[in-house]
């Protein structure tokens, strides 16, 4: 299992629009395996700044891949929890901005 994760692992990010999968490089996969060594799913808030920058880099480079859940070697799952402050419900025209909002939140935290 570890070899499959090292060779072809992806990071799953749960967004309001559904899960997204990012394909990190080999060194990034090793680092993410270490970050998720005790937990399969972590909220964004528990990651340190270096880990958040890595996620932001992967997101901004748009290293998205489409995978079948049964075939995917998931390195870990990152939850994007809604903030405590009530947000306005996005209209249909802004529904595609879910990824942009996630990236903005990452930038804000780092």
C-alpha atoms as a PDB file:
ATOM      1  CA  UNK A   1       0.000   0.000   0.000  1.00  0.00           C
ATOM      2  CA  UNK A   2       2.800   2.426   0.849  1.00  0.00           C
ATOM      3  CA  UNK A   3       4.496   1.797  -2.481  1.00  0.00           C
ATOM      4  CA  UNK A   4       1.277   2.511  -4.373  1.00  0.00           C
ATOM      5  CA  UNK A   5       0.806   5.747  -2.422  1.00  0.00           C
ATOM      6  CA  UNK A   6       4.405   6.782  -3.090  1.00  0.00           C
ATOM      7  CA  UNK A   7       4.243   6.015  -6.785  1.00  0.00           C
ATOM      8  CA  UNK A   8       0.756   7.271  -7.655  1.00  0.00           C
ATOM      9  CA  UNK A   9      -0.832   8.828  -4.573  1.00  0.00           C
ATOM     10  CA  UNK A  10      -3.184  11.803  -4.759  1.00  0.00           C
ATOM     11  CA  UNK A  11      -4.370  14.289  -2.162  1.00  0.00           C
ATOM     12  CA  UNK A  12      -8.145  14.577  -1.816  1.00  0.00           C
ATOM     13  CA  UNK A  13      -9.524  17.998  -0.867  1.00  0.00           C
ATOM     14  CA  UNK A  14     -13.154  18.231   0.146  1.00  0.00           C
ATOM     15  CA  UNK A  15     -14.600  21.485  -1.195  1.00  0.00           C
ATOM     16  CA  UNK A  16     -18.169  22.818  -1.144  1.00  0.00           C
ATOM     17  CA  UNK A  17     -18.475  21.676  -4.763  1.00  0.00           C
ATOM     18  CA  UNK A  18     -17.276  18.151  -4.047  1.00  0.00           C
ATOM     19  CA  UNK A  19     -13.927  16.394  -3.748  1.00  0.00           C
ATOM     20  CA  UNK A  20     -10.936  17.519  -5.795  1.00  0.00           C
ATOM     21  CA  UNK A  21      -7.817  15.437  -6.314  1.00  0.00           C
ATOM     22  CA  UNK A  22      -4.329  16.906  -6.595  1.00  0.00           C
ATOM     23  CA  UNK A  23      -1.298  15.056  -7.963  1.00  0.00           C
ATOM     24  CA  UNK A  24       1.864  15.992  -6.006  1.00  0.00           C
ATOM     25  CA  UNK A  25       5.443  15.227  -7.043  1.00  0.00           C
ATOM     26  CA  UNK A  26       7.322  12.330  -5.427  1.00  0.00           C
ATOM     27  CA  UNK A  27       8.933  14.497  -2.734  1.00  0.00           C
ATOM     28  CA  UNK A  28       5.600  16.180  -2.034  1.00  0.00           C
ATOM     29  CA  UNK A  29       3.942  12.755  -1.735  1.00  0.00           C
ATOM     30  CA  UNK A  30       6.538  11.680   0.842  1.00  0.00           C
ATOM     31  CA  UNK A  31       5.926  14.862   2.827  1.00  0.00           C
ATOM     32  CA  UNK A  32       2.142  14.436   2.646  1.00  0.00           C
ATOM     33  CA  UNK A  33       2.397  10.790   3.710  1.00  0.00           C
ATOM     34  CA  UNK A  34       4.267  12.003   6.776  1.00  0.00           C
ATOM     35  CA  UNK A  35       1.697  14.729   7.461  1.00  0.00           C
ATOM     36  CA  UNK A  36      -1.198  12.235   7.234  1.00  0.00           C
ATOM     37  CA  UNK A  37       0.640   9.341   8.932  1.00  0.00           C
ATOM     38  CA  UNK A  38      -1.783   9.119  11.881  1.00  0.00           C
ATOM     39  CA  UNK A  39      -4.985  10.450  10.316  1.00  0.00           C
ATOM     40  CA  UNK A  40      -6.781   9.832   7.047  1.00  0.00           C
ATOM     41  CA  UNK A  41      -8.668  13.131   7.188  1.00  0.00           C
ATOM     42  CA  UNK A  42      -7.505  16.484   8.595  1.00  0.00           C
ATOM     43  CA  UNK A  43      -9.066  19.946   8.673  1.00  0.00           C
ATOM     44  CA  UNK A  44      -7.115  22.766   7.062  1.00  0.00           C
ATOM     45  CA  UNK A  45      -6.736  24.526  10.418  1.00  0.00           C
ATOM     46  CA  UNK A  46      -4.431  21.864  11.902  1.00  0.00           C
ATOM     47  CA  UNK A  47      -1.806  22.066   9.149  1.00  0.00           C
ATOM     48  CA  UNK A  48       1.278  24.148   9.807  1.00  0.00           C
ATOM     49  CA  UNK A  49       2.252  27.014   7.508  1.00  0.00           C
ATOM     50  CA  UNK A  50       4.652  24.931   5.444  1.00  0.00           C
ATOM     51  CA  UNK A  51       1.976  22.307   4.807  1.00  0.00           C
ATOM     52  CA  UNK A  52      -0.582  24.982   3.948  1.00  0.00           C
ATOM     53  CA  UNK A  53       1.888  26.556   1.478  1.00  0.00           C
ATOM     54  CA  UNK A  54       2.372  23.154  -0.141  1.00  0.00           C
ATOM     55  CA  UNK A  55      -1.386  22.749  -0.563  1.00  0.00           C
ATOM     56  CA  UNK A  56      -1.649  26.305  -1.895  1.00  0.00           C
ATOM     57  CA  UNK A  57       1.147  25.611  -4.396  1.00  0.00           C
ATOM     58  CA  UNK A  58      -0.495  22.417  -5.615  1.00  0.00           C
ATOM     59  CA  UNK A  59      -3.833  24.228  -5.896  1.00  0.00           C
ATOM     60  CA  UNK A  60      -2.403  27.245  -7.739  1.00  0.00           C
ATOM     61  CA  UNK A  61      -0.467  25.019 -10.155  1.00  0.00           C
ATOM     62  CA  UNK A  62      -3.807  23.343 -10.901  1.00  0.00           C
ATOM     63  CA  UNK A  63      -2.382  19.849 -10.553  1.00  0.00           C
ATOM     64  CA  UNK A  64      -5.875  18.383 -10.551  1.00  0.00           C
ATOM     65  CA  UNK A  65      -6.494  14.852 -11.709  1.00  0.00           C
ATOM     66  CA  UNK A  66      -9.682  12.874 -12.099  1.00  0.00           C
ATOM     67  CA  UNK A  67      -9.619   9.492 -10.436  1.00  0.00           C
ATOM     68  CA  UNK A  68     -11.993   6.687  -9.673  1.00  0.00           C
ATOM     69  CA  UNK A  69     -12.281   6.319  -5.915  1.00  0.00           C
ATOM     70  CA  UNK A  70     -11.764   2.542  -6.085  1.00  0.00           C
ATOM     71  CA  UNK A  71      -8.505   2.927  -7.999  1.00  0.00           C
ATOM     72  CA  UNK A  72      -7.083   5.938  -6.183  1.00  0.00           C
ATOM     73  CA  UNK A  73      -4.253   5.712  -3.697  1.00  0.00           C
ATOM     74  CA  UNK A  74      -5.330   8.520  -1.377  1.00  0.00           C
ATOM     75  CA  UNK A  75      -2.462  10.065   0.590  1.00  0.00           C
ATOM     76  CA  UNK A  76      -4.900  11.889   2.827  1.00  0.00           C
ATOM     77  CA  UNK A  77      -8.048  13.948   2.814  1.00  0.00           C
ATOM     78  CA  UNK A  78      -8.063  17.642   3.598  1.00  0.00           C
ATOM     79  CA  UNK A  79     -11.357  18.997   4.889  1.00  0.00           C
ATOM     80  CA  UNK A  80     -12.348  22.501   4.068  1.00  0.00           C
ATOM     81  CA  UNK A  81     -14.661  23.286   6.933  1.00  0.00           C
ATOM     82  CA  UNK A  82     -16.967  26.278   6.680  1.00  0.00           C
ATOM     83  CA  UNK A  83     -15.902  29.219   8.796  1.00  0.00           C
ATOM     84  CA  UNK A  84     -17.832  30.083  11.954  1.00  0.00           C
ATOM     85  CA  UNK A  85     -19.043  33.345  10.424  1.00  0.00           C
ATOM     86  CA  UNK A  86     -22.192  32.994   8.325  1.00  0.00           C
ATOM     87  CA  UNK A  87     -21.479  33.507   4.669  1.00  0.00           C
ATOM     88  CA  UNK A  88     -23.861  34.591   1.981  1.00  0.00           C
ATOM     89  CA  UNK A  89     -25.112  31.710  -0.108  1.00  0.00           C
ATOM     90  CA  UNK A  90     -23.326  31.861  -3.469  1.00  0.00           C
ATOM     91  CA  UNK A  91     -25.466  32.383  -6.510  1.00  0.00           C
ATOM     92  CA  UNK A  92     -25.236  30.052  -9.493  1.00  0.00           C
ATOM     93  CA  UNK A  93     -22.855  32.370 -11.327  1.00  0.00           C
ATOM     94  CA  UNK A  94     -20.418  32.248  -8.393  1.00  0.00           C
ATOM     95  CA  UNK A  95     -20.692  28.501  -7.804  1.00  0.00           C
ATOM     96  CA  UNK A  96     -17.588  27.879  -9.930  1.00  0.00           C
ATOM     97  CA  UNK A  97     -15.595  30.176  -7.632  1.00  0.00           C
ATOM     98  CA  UNK A  98     -15.461  27.498  -4.901  1.00  0.00           C
ATOM     99  CA  UNK A  99     -11.875  26.692  -5.833  1.00  0.00           C
ATOM    100  CA  UNK A 100     -10.900  30.357  -5.882  1.00  0.00           C
ATOM    101  CA  UNK A 101     -12.392  30.859  -2.423  1.00  0.00           C
ATOM    102  CA  UNK A 102     -10.424  27.870  -1.135  1.00  0.00           C
ATOM    103  CA  UNK A 103      -7.178  29.241  -2.586  1.00  0.00           C
ATOM    104  CA  UNK A 104      -7.902  32.683  -1.097  1.00  0.00           C
ATOM    105  CA  UNK A 105      -8.424  31.130   2.322  1.00  0.00           C
ATOM    106  CA  UNK A 106      -5.102  29.310   2.035  1.00  0.00           C
ATOM    107  CA  UNK A 107      -3.325  32.530   1.086  1.00  0.00           C
ATOM    108  CA  UNK A 108      -4.939  34.307   4.029  1.00  0.00           C
ATOM    109  CA  UNK A 109      -3.697  31.681   6.483  1.00  0.00           C
ATOM    110  CA  UNK A 110      -0.078  31.708   5.299  1.00  0.00           C
END
